[in-house]
Amino acid sequence: MDKELVEAGFSVDLASPSFLIINTCAITGKAEREAKQLVYQLRKRHPQAKIVLTGCSATFWQKYHSEGPALGDITVPNDKKSSLVSLLASLSGPLATSQVHTANTDKFRHSNRLLVKIQDGCQRYCSYCIVPYLRGLPQSQSIKSIVAYINSFHPIPSEVVVSAINTEAFGVDSGETLINLIQAILTDTQVPRLAFGSIHPWSLTDEFIEYYRTKLSKELRFIHFFHVPIQSGSQTMLKHMRRDYAISDVIHKLNAIQRIHPGALIATDIIVGFLKETQDLFRETYTLLKASPINRFHVFKFSNRPHTAAYYKKGQLKEPTPEMKKEWSKKLIALSTDKYQRFLKSQIGKASEALVISNDADESKILLDNHEEGVILGKQCLPGELVHVTIIGAKDGKVICKES
């Protein structure tokens, strides 16, 4: 969107924008509340600007008529998002004087990373999730168009991060596969680094694991970061969530990844406090995560989203109390902190290529070849620069490196 706006003749004006574009999320109640708060703050700070809402919360508010028209001046739902720039162009008058500010600083572009959306929509309808109702059924970009998009950027991005609502659904409507896509990006572009934002449990097929073993594990341009959102370690809870995979099979695949590449960073998302979760069922998740090769987890307290399957079960199925959710969340966060710190310490002495993402007066912040966060002390490197480093320490969830 940012690229299209610039190409259409808009300029960025942080002080006095004509339009403010807020790309909203609706995955949790907290995300929706934060979107509303941002609208109120920006409305107060820039009363002259028209507020343009898009993304999932905006789509939710429009679809279910849950917000008054005063929240935003213009709402562009997800299925019309591709026409947002042309809509603003038609409303703005002479483009030479039009100014726009997207409400979040793009951390990817700042460090010469490129976030590439390969697929939208989902056919899974997990019982807690509002996303399929707001984004529709899967729609994939063609591999040819993805490669052309990446190659349209000059200079070449230092890293491409592939993003999808559900990686499993990539190509179901086009006959292409995730493996085809990875191979095409590595073959037909010159990007130095290729990473996944998330890769979903259903994507960890036997074929993918074999491809990783024989090809990707030896590929110097591939970032060995696997964020696999399992949501629960209890098979009973996964059934309630409508996540139709065997958790033992997923862990088996993750163990295989760790054996193939011991330096791979494996992460996950976990929901605590879903309907019918008990102390014993939570303990199943805790025990599984503790013994698993997963080194880092993002923990979400369940919020029952209106218009999901879980929402219509709320009168029949008991929901854990806020106190229980808080307690379980704290336990998992503590376990994650401990496991991640131990993983980082195990990497001391390792050499890696690193991407500089930002710097300040006395250090450069970097991402290593498995997306570990780190710093080079006493060194100012340019964001987007690639440097070779050796890990010499680990502290507070980061590795400390020196150039090598």
Protein backbone atom coordinates (compact mmCIF):
# COMPACT_ATOMS: atom_id res chain seq x y z
CA MET A 1 0.00 0.00 0.00
CA ASP A 2 2.83 2.34 0.93
CA LYS A 3 4.59 1.61 -2.37
CA GLU A 4 1.38 2.13 -4.39
CA LEU A 5 0.69 5.46 -2.66
CA VAL A 6 4.14 6.81 -3.52
CA GLU A 7 3.82 5.59 -7.11
CA ALA A 8 0.41 7.32 -7.34
CA GLY A 9 2.00 10.67 -6.46
CA PHE A 10 1.29 10.91 -2.73
CA SER A 11 3.96 12.09 -0.34
CA VAL A 12 4.42 11.31 3.33
CA ASP A 13 3.74 14.13 5.78
CA LEU A 14 3.99 13.18 9.43
CA ALA A 15 3.12 16.68 10.64
CA SER A 16 0.03 17.61 8.64
CA PRO A 17 -1.39 14.70 6.63
CA SER A 18 -4.51 14.92 4.47
CA PHE A 19 -5.28 11.23 5.04
CA LEU A 20 -4.41 8.86 7.85
CA ILE A 21 -4.64 5.18 6.92
CA ILE A 22 -5.09 2.68 9.73
CA ASN A 23 -4.79 -0.98 8.75
CA THR A 24 -6.64 -2.68 11.61
CA CYS A 25 -6.49 -6.16 13.13
CA ALA A 26 -9.37 -8.08 14.74
CA ILE A 27 -7.73 -11.34 15.83
CA THR A 28 -8.29 -10.54 19.52
CA GLY A 29 -10.49 -8.19 21.49
CA LYS A 30 -7.33 -6.39 22.58
CA ALA A 31 -6.34 -5.75 18.95
CA GLU A 32 -9.76 -4.27 18.24
CA ARG A 33 -9.61 -2.02 21.33
CA GLU A 34 -6.15 -0.80 20.35
CA ALA A 35 -7.41 0.06 16.87
CA LYS A 36 -10.20 2.17 18.35
CA GLN A 37 -7.79 3.91 20.73
CA LEU A 38 -5.48 4.74 17.84
CA VAL A 39 -8.36 6.28 15.89
CA TYR A 40 -9.31 8.48 18.84
CA GLN A 41 -5.70 9.57 19.41
CA LEU A 42 -5.09 10.42 15.75
CA ARG A 43 -8.43 12.19 15.42
CA LYS A 44 -7.42 14.45 18.31
CA ARG A 45 -3.86 14.97 17.03
CA HIS A 46 -4.80 15.63 13.39
CA PRO A 47 -8.34 17.03 13.27
CA GLN A 48 -7.86 18.21 9.67
CA ALA A 49 -7.06 14.74 8.31
CA LYS A 50 -9.54 12.23 6.95
CA ILE A 51 -9.21 8.89 8.74
CA VAL A 52 -9.24 5.91 6.39
CA LEU A 53 -9.96 2.55 8.04
CA THR A 54 -9.16 -0.78 6.44
CA GLY A 55 -8.21 -4.28 7.57
CA CYS A 56 -10.10 -6.75 9.71
CA SER A 57 -11.57 -4.58 12.49
CA ALA A 58 -12.77 -2.05 9.92
CA THR A 59 -14.36 -4.89 7.93
CA PHE A 60 -15.90 -6.30 11.11
CA TRP A 61 -17.37 -2.93 12.12
CA GLN A 62 -18.87 -2.39 8.70
CA LYS A 63 -20.13 -5.94 8.19
CA TYR A 64 -21.83 -6.22 11.55
CA HIS A 65 -22.75 -2.53 11.94
CA SER A 66 -21.06 -2.53 15.33
CA GLU A 67 -19.55 0.97 15.17
CA GLY A 68 -21.03 4.37 14.41
CA PRO A 69 -19.96 6.19 11.24
CA ALA A 70 -18.01 8.74 13.29
CA LEU A 71 -15.16 6.30 14.00
CA GLY A 72 -13.62 6.80 10.55
CA ASP A 73 -14.31 9.06 7.57
CA ILE A 74 -13.75 6.33 4.98
CA THR A 75 -13.95 2.56 5.48
CA VAL A 76 -12.38 0.23 2.93
CA PRO A 77 -13.19 -3.42 3.74
CA ASN A 78 -10.76 -6.23 3.02
CA ASP A 79 -12.36 -7.23 -0.27
CA LYS A 80 -11.91 -3.67 -1.57
CA LYS A 81 -8.46 -3.03 -0.10
CA SER A 82 -6.74 -3.33 -3.48
CA SER A 83 -8.68 -0.28 -4.67
CA LEU A 84 -7.82 1.90 -1.65
CA VAL A 85 -5.11 3.92 -3.39
CA SER A 86 -7.25 4.65 -6.46
CA LEU A 87 -10.11 5.69 -4.15
CA LEU A 88 -7.87 8.17 -2.33
CA ALA A 89 -6.56 9.48 -5.65
CA SER A 90 -10.11 10.19 -6.82
CA LEU A 91 -10.89 12.06 -3.60
CA SER A 92 -7.66 13.99 -3.17
CA GLY A 93 -7.63 16.46 -6.03
CA PRO A 94 -4.20 17.35 -7.49
CA LEU A 95 -1.82 14.65 -6.32
CA ALA A 96 1.13 17.03 -6.13
CA THR A 97 -0.37 18.51 -2.97
CA SER A 98 -1.73 15.31 -1.45
CA GLN A 99 -0.11 14.00 1.66
CA VAL A 100 -0.68 10.76 3.46
CA HIS A 101 0.57 9.08 6.60
CA THR A 102 0.17 5.40 7.34
CA ALA A 103 -0.33 5.11 11.08
CA ASN A 104 2.41 2.57 11.74
CA THR A 105 6.07 3.05 10.82
CA ASP A 106 7.04 0.26 8.44
CA LYS A 107 9.81 -1.57 10.27
CA PHE A 108 10.30 -3.81 7.26
CA ARG A 109 11.01 -1.07 4.72
CA HIS A 110 13.24 0.78 7.21
CA SER A 111 15.61 -2.21 7.36
CA ASN A 112 15.24 -3.00 3.62
CA ARG A 113 13.06 -6.02 4.36
CA LEU A 114 10.09 -6.74 2.16
CA LEU A 115 6.93 -8.33 3.55
CA VAL A 116 5.26 -10.29 0.74
CA LYS A 117 1.67 -11.43 1.13
CA ILE A 118 1.31 -14.66 -0.85
CA GLN A 119 -2.20 -15.67 0.16
CA ASP A 120 -5.34 -14.37 1.87
CA GLY A 121 -8.40 -16.02 3.39
CA CYS A 122 -8.85 -19.35 5.18
CA GLN A 123 -11.06 -22.40 4.88
CA ARG A 124 -10.39 -23.80 8.36
CA TYR A 125 -13.00 -21.95 10.48
CA CYS A 126 -11.28 -22.66 13.81
CA SER A 127 -13.95 -22.14 16.45
CA TYR A 128 -12.26 -19.13 18.10
CA CYS A 129 -11.29 -17.29 14.91
CA ILE A 130 -13.09 -14.38 13.24
CA VAL A 131 -10.63 -14.12 10.33
CA PRO A 132 -12.37 -16.39 7.75
CA TYR A 133 -15.57 -14.37 8.16
CA LEU A 134 -13.69 -11.15 7.37
CA ARG A 135 -11.24 -12.34 4.71
CA GLY A 136 -13.24 -15.05 2.94
CA LEU A 137 -12.05 -18.29 1.37
CA PRO A 138 -8.42 -18.76 0.26
CA GLN A 139 -7.09 -16.73 -2.62
CA SER A 140 -3.45 -17.15 -3.67
CA GLN A 141 -1.10 -14.92 -5.58
CA SER A 142 0.54 -16.73 -8.49
CA ILE A 143 4.19 -17.62 -8.13
CA LYS A 144 4.93 -15.64 -11.29
CA SER A 145 3.36 -12.47 -9.84
CA ILE A 146 5.12 -12.93 -6.48
CA VAL A 147 8.51 -13.25 -8.15
CA ALA A 148 7.79 -10.25 -10.39
CA TYR A 149 6.75 -8.19 -7.35
CA ILE A 150 9.96 -9.01 -5.50
CA ASN A 151 12.04 -8.19 -8.57
CA SER A 152 10.27 -4.83 -8.99
CA PHE A 153 12.10 -3.40 -5.97
CA HIS A 154 15.33 -1.46 -6.44
CA PRO A 155 17.57 -1.79 -4.60
CA ILE A 156 16.99 -5.50 -4.06
CA PRO A 157 15.49 -6.15 -0.59
CA SER A 158 17.99 -7.49 1.91
CA GLU A 159 15.35 -9.94 3.10
CA VAL A 160 11.96 -11.13 1.88
CA VAL A 161 9.50 -12.23 4.57
CA VAL A 162 6.69 -14.38 3.19
CA SER A 163 3.33 -13.82 4.89
CA ALA A 164 0.00 -15.67 4.64
CA ILE A 165 -3.22 -16.06 6.58
CA ASN A 166 -2.72 -19.83 6.27
CA THR A 167 0.32 -21.17 4.42
CA GLU A 168 -1.47 -24.50 4.00
CA ALA A 169 -3.99 -22.77 1.73
CA PHE A 170 -1.38 -21.36 -0.63
CA GLY A 171 -1.97 -22.76 -4.11
CA VAL A 172 -5.20 -24.66 -3.35
CA ASP A 173 -6.92 -22.42 -5.90
CA SER A 174 -4.08 -22.37 -8.43
CA GLY A 175 -2.47 -25.81 -8.33
CA GLU A 176 0.87 -24.42 -7.10
CA THR A 177 2.61 -25.39 -3.87
CA LEU A 178 4.58 -23.78 -1.09
CA ILE A 179 7.65 -25.75 -2.10
CA ASN A 180 7.26 -24.50 -5.70
CA LEU A 181 7.15 -20.94 -4.34
CA ILE A 182 10.23 -21.27 -2.14
CA GLN A 183 12.21 -22.77 -4.99
CA ALA A 184 11.10 -20.07 -7.44
CA ILE A 185 12.09 -17.21 -5.09
CA LEU A 186 15.50 -18.78 -4.51
CA THR A 187 16.02 -19.45 -8.22
CA ASP A 188 14.45 -16.43 -9.91
CA THR A 189 15.34 -13.58 -7.53
CA GLN A 190 18.60 -12.32 -6.07
CA VAL A 191 17.32 -11.63 -2.54
CA PRO A 192 20.04 -12.54 -0.03
CA ARG A 193 17.61 -13.82 2.63
CA LEU A 194 14.21 -15.56 2.53
CA ALA A 195 12.11 -16.04 5.66
CA PHE A 196 8.60 -17.06 6.66
CA GLY A 197 6.54 -15.00 9.07
CA SER A 198 4.59 -18.11 10.12
CA ILE A 199 4.25 -21.59 8.70
CA HIS A 200 1.15 -23.45 9.76
CA PRO A 201 1.00 -26.98 11.19
CA TRP A 202 -0.80 -28.35 8.13
CA SER A 203 2.11 -27.18 5.96
CA LEU A 204 4.56 -29.47 7.77
CA THR A 205 3.92 -32.41 5.48
CA ASP A 206 6.30 -35.32 5.02
CA GLU A 207 7.15 -33.81 1.62
CA PHE A 208 8.05 -30.46 3.20
CA ILE A 209 10.24 -32.09 5.89
CA GLU A 210 12.07 -34.07 3.18
CA TYR A 211 12.53 -30.88 1.12
CA TYR A 212 13.95 -29.15 4.19
CA ARG A 213 16.30 -32.07 4.88
CA THR A 214 17.64 -32.41 1.34
CA LYS A 215 17.58 -28.80 0.09
CA LEU A 216 16.56 -25.96 2.41
CA SER A 217 18.71 -26.92 5.39
CA LYS A 218 21.78 -26.43 3.18
CA GLU A 219 20.51 -23.20 1.58
CA LEU A 220 22.53 -20.25 2.92
CA ARG A 221 19.82 -17.74 1.89
CA PHE A 222 17.03 -19.44 3.84
CA ILE A 223 16.29 -18.17 7.35
CA HIS A 224 15.85 -21.09 9.73
CA PHE A 225 12.94 -19.66 11.69
CA PHE A 226 9.78 -21.73 12.08
CA HIS A 227 6.89 -19.97 13.77
CA VAL A 228 4.29 -22.75 13.88
CA PRO A 229 1.08 -21.69 15.68
CA ILE A 230 -0.14 -24.85 17.46
CA GLN A 231 -2.51 -22.90 19.83
CA SER A 232 -2.63 -25.73 22.43
CA GLY A 233 -0.67 -28.77 23.53
CA SER A 234 -3.81 -30.61 24.60
CA GLN A 235 -5.51 -32.81 22.02
CA THR A 236 -8.81 -32.29 23.85
CA MET A 237 -8.49 -28.51 23.56
CA LEU A 238 -7.48 -28.74 19.90
CA LYS A 239 -10.71 -30.65 19.26
CA HIS A 240 -12.74 -27.87 20.91
CA MET A 241 -10.81 -25.35 18.82
CA ARG A 242 -11.49 -27.30 15.59
CA ARG A 243 -7.79 -27.67 14.91
CA ASP A 244 -7.82 -31.04 13.18
CA TYR A 245 -4.27 -32.27 13.56
CA ALA A 246 -2.63 -34.64 16.01
CA ILE A 247 -0.36 -32.62 18.26
CA SER A 248 1.97 -35.62 18.54
CA ASP A 249 2.46 -35.54 14.76
CA VAL A 250 3.27 -31.81 14.77
CA ILE A 251 5.84 -32.26 17.55
CA HIS A 252 7.32 -35.20 15.63
CA LYS A 253 7.83 -32.91 12.61
CA LEU A 254 9.34 -30.14 14.76
CA ASN A 255 11.74 -32.63 16.31
CA ALA A 256 12.76 -33.61 12.78
CA ILE A 257 13.45 -29.96 11.91
CA GLN A 258 15.58 -29.58 15.03
CA ARG A 259 17.57 -32.74 14.21
CA ILE A 260 18.13 -31.57 10.63
CA HIS A 261 19.24 -28.08 11.72
CA PRO A 262 19.97 -27.76 15.48
CA GLY A 263 20.26 -23.99 15.12
CA ALA A 264 16.73 -23.56 13.80
CA LEU A 265 14.59 -21.32 16.01
CA ILE A 266 11.14 -22.86 16.55
CA ALA A 267 8.37 -20.67 17.95
CA THR A 268 4.60 -20.91 18.38
CA ASP A 269 1.36 -19.20 19.40
CA ILE A 270 -0.63 -20.51 22.37
CA ILE A 271 -4.15 -19.61 23.49
CA VAL A 272 -4.88 -20.01 27.20
CA GLY A 273 -8.33 -20.01 28.77
CA PHE A 274 -10.34 -21.34 25.85
CA LEU A 275 -13.79 -22.78 26.55
CA LYS A 276 -13.71 -25.94 28.72
CA GLU A 277 -10.01 -25.64 29.52
CA THR A 278 -9.26 -26.97 33.00
CA GLN A 279 -6.20 -27.04 35.20
CA ASP A 280 -5.43 -30.58 34.02
CA LEU A 281 -5.81 -29.67 30.34
CA PHE A 282 -3.61 -26.60 30.81
CA ARG A 283 -1.02 -28.86 32.45
CA GLU A 284 -1.02 -31.01 29.29
CA THR A 285 -0.06 -27.95 27.25
CA TYR A 286 2.59 -26.86 29.77
CA THR A 287 4.15 -30.34 29.92
CA LEU A 288 4.20 -30.71 26.15
CA LEU A 289 5.80 -27.29 25.60
CA LYS A 290 8.41 -27.90 28.27
CA ALA A 291 9.55 -31.14 26.62
CA SER A 292 9.16 -29.92 23.03
CA PRO A 293 11.76 -28.42 20.66
CA ILE A 294 9.74 -25.17 20.70
CA ASN A 295 11.98 -22.46 22.13
CA ARG A 296 9.71 -19.44 22.18
CA PHE A 297 5.96 -18.89 22.49
CA HIS A 298 3.61 -15.97 22.11
CA VAL A 299 0.81 -16.38 24.65
CA PHE A 300 -2.71 -15.02 24.12
CA LYS A 301 -5.49 -15.00 26.68
CA PHE A 302 -8.67 -16.19 24.94
CA SER A 303 -11.16 -13.47 24.06
CA ASN A 304 -14.48 -14.72 22.72
CA ARG A 305 -14.99 -12.91 19.42
CA PRO A 306 -18.60 -12.23 18.36
CA HIS A 307 -19.87 -14.19 15.32
CA THR A 308 -17.41 -17.08 15.78
CA ALA A 309 -18.48 -20.68 16.55
CA ALA A 310 -17.10 -20.32 20.08
CA TYR A 311 -19.22 -17.23 20.67
CA TYR A 312 -22.41 -19.19 20.11
CA LYS A 313 -21.21 -21.89 22.53
CA LYS A 314 -20.48 -19.49 25.38
CA GLY A 315 -23.73 -20.29 27.18
CA GLN A 316 -23.09 -24.04 27.01
CA LEU A 317 -19.35 -24.34 27.63
CA LYS A 318 -17.68 -22.98 30.72
CA GLU A 319 -14.96 -20.39 30.19
CA PRO A 320 -12.03 -20.17 32.63
CA THR A 321 -12.00 -17.12 34.88
CA PRO A 322 -9.82 -14.08 34.10
CA GLU A 323 -7.70 -15.02 37.13
CA MET A 324 -7.05 -18.51 35.72
CA LYS A 325 -6.17 -17.08 32.32
CA LYS A 326 -3.75 -14.65 33.93
CA GLU A 327 -2.11 -17.37 36.02
CA TRP A 328 -1.70 -19.76 33.07
CA SER A 329 -0.42 -16.98 30.84
CA LYS A 330 2.24 -16.01 33.39
CA LYS A 331 3.40 -19.62 33.71
CA LEU A 332 3.79 -20.07 29.97
CA ILE A 333 5.53 -16.72 29.51
CA ALA A 334 8.00 -17.67 32.27
CA LEU A 335 8.62 -21.05 30.62
CA SER A 336 9.12 -19.38 27.25
CA THR A 337 11.56 -16.85 28.70
CA ASP A 338 13.58 -19.63 30.31
CA LYS A 339 13.62 -21.88 27.23
CA TYR A 340 14.51 -19.06 24.87
CA GLN A 341 17.35 -17.83 27.06
CA ARG A 342 18.76 -21.37 27.28
CA PHE A 343 18.49 -21.70 23.50
CA LEU A 344 20.37 -18.43 22.99
CA LYS A 345 23.13 -19.55 25.34
CA SER A 346 23.45 -22.78 23.36
CA GLN A 347 24.24 -20.67 20.28
CA ILE A 348 27.30 -18.94 21.81
CA GLY A 349 30.30 -19.41 19.52
CA LYS A 350 28.17 -19.78 16.40
CA ALA A 351 28.98 -17.68 13.32
CA SER A 352 26.08 -16.22 11.37
CA GLU A 353 25.16 -13.72 8.72
CA ALA A 354 23.06 -10.97 10.27
CA LEU A 355 20.72 -8.30 8.97
CA VAL A 356 20.97 -4.89 10.64
CA ILE A 357 17.47 -3.66 11.48
CA SER A 358 18.28 -0.46 13.42
CA ASN A 359 21.03 1.32 15.28
CA ASP A 360 21.65 3.94 17.92
CA ALA A 361 24.72 5.63 19.36
CA ASP A 362 26.45 2.57 20.79
CA GLU A 363 24.99 -0.55 19.18
CA SER A 364 23.39 -2.06 16.09
CA LYS A 365 20.34 -4.29 16.41
CA ILE A 366 20.41 -7.35 14.19
CA LEU A 367 18.51 -10.46 13.13
CA LEU A 368 20.61 -13.59 12.72
CA ASP A 369 20.09 -16.39 10.18
CA ASN A 370 17.34 -17.90 12.34
CA HIS A 371 15.77 -14.55 13.30
CA GLU A 372 17.31 -14.51 16.75
CA GLU A 373 17.43 -10.91 17.90
CA GLY A 374 20.88 -9.63 18.73
CA VAL A 375 23.14 -6.61 19.10
CA ILE A 376 26.62 -5.65 17.97
CA LEU A 377 27.94 -3.47 20.78
CA GLY A 378 29.95 -0.35 20.02
CA LYS A 379 29.21 -0.51 16.32
CA GLN A 380 26.92 1.54 14.10
CA CYS A 381 25.89 -0.32 10.97
CA LEU A 382 23.34 0.84 8.44
CA PRO A 383 19.81 -0.65 8.58
CA GLY A 384 19.49 -3.18 5.77
CA GLU A 385 23.22 -3.96 5.80
CA LEU A 386 24.31 -7.62 5.96
CA VAL A 387 27.23 -8.37 8.28
CA HIS A 388 28.99 -11.53 9.44
CA VAL A 389 29.04 -11.98 13.20
CA THR A 390 30.00 -14.43 15.94
CA ILE A 391 27.82 -14.85 19.01
CA ILE A 392 29.81 -14.12 22.16
CA GLY A 393 27.07 -13.92 24.79
CA ALA A 394 23.35 -13.92 25.56
CA LYS A 395 21.38 -11.63 27.86
CA ASP A 396 17.76 -10.47 28.28
CA GLY A 397 16.41 -12.37 25.28
CA LYS A 398 19.11 -11.19 22.86
CA VAL A 399 22.46 -12.50 21.69
CA ILE A 400 25.54 -10.30 21.92
CA CYS A 401 27.73 -10.45 18.85
CA LYS A 402 30.96 -9.21 17.39
CA GLU A 403 31.78 -8.81 13.72
CA SER A 404 33.74 -11.72 12.32
